[in-house]
């Protein structure tokens, strides 16, 4: 029962975060964020497969996601600032 409640709360949080992102048009500002989400899902799938044979600490799996998302945000900000400089 506790796991079901935790999954429900997590799903609601992700849904509300997604709605916030859509309503605020965040993806227009961070244009590489959607691609990074797909890469993180692929990396998670890969680590799950590798985890069948080798022990992978959870910290490394989380860091992979943070690094990919962070790189996407940094690239989006850099790309936007480069586009703003070209307008001048």
C-alpha atoms as a PDB file:
ATOM      1  CA  UNK A   1       0.000   0.000   0.000  1.00  0.00           C
ATOM      2  CA  UNK A   2       2.839   2.385   0.864  1.00  0.00           C
ATOM      3  CA  UNK A   3       4.503   1.812  -2.509  1.00  0.00           C
ATOM      4  CA  UNK A   4       1.225   2.487  -4.342  1.00  0.00           C
ATOM      5  CA  UNK A   5       0.735   5.751  -2.443  1.00  0.00           C
ATOM      6  CA  UNK A   6       4.321   6.780  -3.195  1.00  0.00           C
ATOM      7  CA  UNK A   7       3.907   6.046  -6.897  1.00  0.00           C
ATOM      8  CA  UNK A   8       0.635   7.982  -6.967  1.00  0.00           C
ATOM      9  CA  UNK A   9       2.163  11.037  -5.310  1.00  0.00           C
ATOM     10  CA  UNK A  10       5.155  10.863  -7.650  1.00  0.00           C
ATOM     11  CA  UNK A  11       2.900  10.612 -10.710  1.00  0.00           C
ATOM     12  CA  UNK A  12       0.868  13.618  -9.572  1.00  0.00           C
ATOM     13  CA  UNK A  13       4.024  15.645  -8.976  1.00  0.00           C
ATOM     14  CA  UNK A  14       5.407  14.806 -12.433  1.00  0.00           C
ATOM     15  CA  UNK A  15       2.036  15.649 -14.015  1.00  0.00           C
ATOM     16  CA  UNK A  16       1.842  19.021 -12.288  1.00  0.00           C
ATOM     17  CA  UNK A  17       5.449  19.791 -13.234  1.00  0.00           C
ATOM     18  CA  UNK A  18       4.696  18.884 -16.854  1.00  0.00           C
ATOM     19  CA  UNK A  19       1.611  21.118 -16.901  1.00  0.00           C
ATOM     20  CA  UNK A  20       3.648  23.968 -15.410  1.00  0.00           C
ATOM     21  CA  UNK A  21       6.287  23.549 -18.121  1.00  0.00           C
ATOM     22  CA  UNK A  22       3.664  23.496 -20.873  1.00  0.00           C
ATOM     23  CA  UNK A  23       1.686  26.507 -19.581  1.00  0.00           C
ATOM     24  CA  UNK A  24       4.816  28.623 -19.002  1.00  0.00           C
ATOM     25  CA  UNK A  25       6.211  27.640 -22.451  1.00  0.00           C
ATOM     26  CA  UNK A  26       9.495  26.609 -20.864  1.00  0.00           C
ATOM     27  CA  UNK A  27      10.323  24.348 -23.807  1.00  0.00           C
ATOM     28  CA  UNK A  28      10.527  27.427 -26.027  1.00  0.00           C
ATOM     29  CA  UNK A  29      13.273  28.772 -23.769  1.00  0.00           C
ATOM     30  CA  UNK A  30      15.066  25.458 -23.222  1.00  0.00           C
ATOM     31  CA  UNK A  31      14.842  23.963 -26.684  1.00  0.00           C
ATOM     32  CA  UNK A  32      17.130  20.969 -25.974  1.00  0.00           C
ATOM     33  CA  UNK A  33      15.321  19.885 -22.802  1.00  0.00           C
ATOM     34  CA  UNK A  34      12.896  17.535 -24.552  1.00  0.00           C
ATOM     35  CA  UNK A  35      15.723  15.751 -26.347  1.00  0.00           C
ATOM     36  CA  UNK A  36      17.639  15.412 -23.104  1.00  0.00           C
ATOM     37  CA  UNK A  37      14.633  13.760 -21.478  1.00  0.00           C
ATOM     38  CA  UNK A  38      14.680  11.109 -24.193  1.00  0.00           C
ATOM     39  CA  UNK A  39      18.410  10.574 -23.731  1.00  0.00           C
ATOM     40  CA  UNK A  40      17.954  10.193 -19.973  1.00  0.00           C
ATOM     41  CA  UNK A  41      15.235   7.580 -20.498  1.00  0.00           C
ATOM     42  CA  UNK A  42      17.583   5.689 -22.832  1.00  0.00           C
ATOM     43  CA  UNK A  43      20.419   5.934 -20.316  1.00  0.00           C
ATOM     44  CA  UNK A  44      18.112   4.675 -17.571  1.00  0.00           C
ATOM     45  CA  UNK A  45      17.097   1.711 -19.721  1.00  0.00           C
ATOM     46  CA  UNK A  46      20.744   0.949 -20.426  1.00  0.00           C
ATOM     47  CA  UNK A  47      21.704   1.118 -16.756  1.00  0.00           C
ATOM     48  CA  UNK A  48      18.789  -1.172 -15.898  1.00  0.00           C
ATOM     49  CA  UNK A  49      20.049  -3.714 -18.423  1.00  0.00           C
ATOM     50  CA  UNK A  50      23.626  -3.447 -17.174  1.00  0.00           C
ATOM     51  CA  UNK A  51      22.289  -3.703 -13.629  1.00  0.00           C
ATOM     52  CA  UNK A  52      21.156  -7.240 -14.374  1.00  0.00           C
ATOM     53  CA  UNK A  53      24.801  -8.291 -14.524  1.00  0.00           C
ATOM     54  CA  UNK A  54      26.699  -5.690 -12.498  1.00  0.00           C
ATOM     55  CA  UNK A  55      25.909  -3.638  -9.401  1.00  0.00           C
ATOM     56  CA  UNK A  56      25.500   0.035 -10.342  1.00  0.00           C
ATOM     57  CA  UNK A  57      25.198   2.472  -7.434  1.00  0.00           C
ATOM     58  CA  UNK A  58      22.049   4.596  -7.562  1.00  0.00           C
ATOM     59  CA  UNK A  59      24.129   7.728  -7.180  1.00  0.00           C
ATOM     60  CA  UNK A  60      25.730   7.142 -10.584  1.00  0.00           C
ATOM     61  CA  UNK A  61      22.382   6.609 -12.276  1.00  0.00           C
ATOM     62  CA  UNK A  62      21.084   9.868 -10.789  1.00  0.00           C
ATOM     63  CA  UNK A  63      24.246  11.728 -11.772  1.00  0.00           C
ATOM     64  CA  UNK A  64      23.906  10.581 -15.369  1.00  0.00           C
ATOM     65  CA  UNK A  65      20.428  12.093 -15.499  1.00  0.00           C
ATOM     66  CA  UNK A  66      21.508  15.322 -13.835  1.00  0.00           C
ATOM     67  CA  UNK A  67      24.494  15.729 -16.147  1.00  0.00           C
ATOM     68  CA  UNK A  68      22.451  15.183 -19.311  1.00  0.00           C
ATOM     69  CA  UNK A  69      19.668  17.546 -18.205  1.00  0.00           C
ATOM     70  CA  UNK A  70      22.226  20.117 -17.016  1.00  0.00           C
ATOM     71  CA  UNK A  71      24.072  19.950 -20.337  1.00  0.00           C
ATOM     72  CA  UNK A  72      20.794  20.438 -22.203  1.00  0.00           C
ATOM     73  CA  UNK A  73      19.893  23.493 -20.147  1.00  0.00           C
ATOM     74  CA  UNK A  74      23.377  24.958 -20.549  1.00  0.00           C
ATOM     75  CA  UNK A  75      23.294  24.354 -24.308  1.00  0.00           C
ATOM     76  CA  UNK A  76      19.849  25.943 -24.561  1.00  0.00           C
ATOM     77  CA  UNK A  77      20.967  29.037 -22.660  1.00  0.00           C
ATOM     78  CA  UNK A  78      24.140  29.327 -24.763  1.00  0.00           C
ATOM     79  CA  UNK A  79      22.204  28.863 -27.995  1.00  0.00           C
ATOM     80  CA  UNK A  80      19.683  31.525 -26.966  1.00  0.00           C
ATOM     81  CA  UNK A  81      22.416  33.994 -25.993  1.00  0.00           C
ATOM     82  CA  UNK A  82      24.227  33.363 -29.290  1.00  0.00           C
ATOM     83  CA  UNK A  83      20.986  34.035 -31.174  1.00  0.00           C
ATOM     84  CA  UNK A  84      20.466  37.258 -29.214  1.00  0.00           C
ATOM     85  CA  UNK A  85      24.007  38.428 -30.077  1.00  0.00           C
ATOM     86  CA  UNK A  86      23.400  37.736 -33.778  1.00  0.00           C
ATOM     87  CA  UNK A  87      20.303  39.983 -33.714  1.00  0.00           C
ATOM     88  CA  UNK A  88      22.419  42.955 -32.669  1.00  0.00           C
END
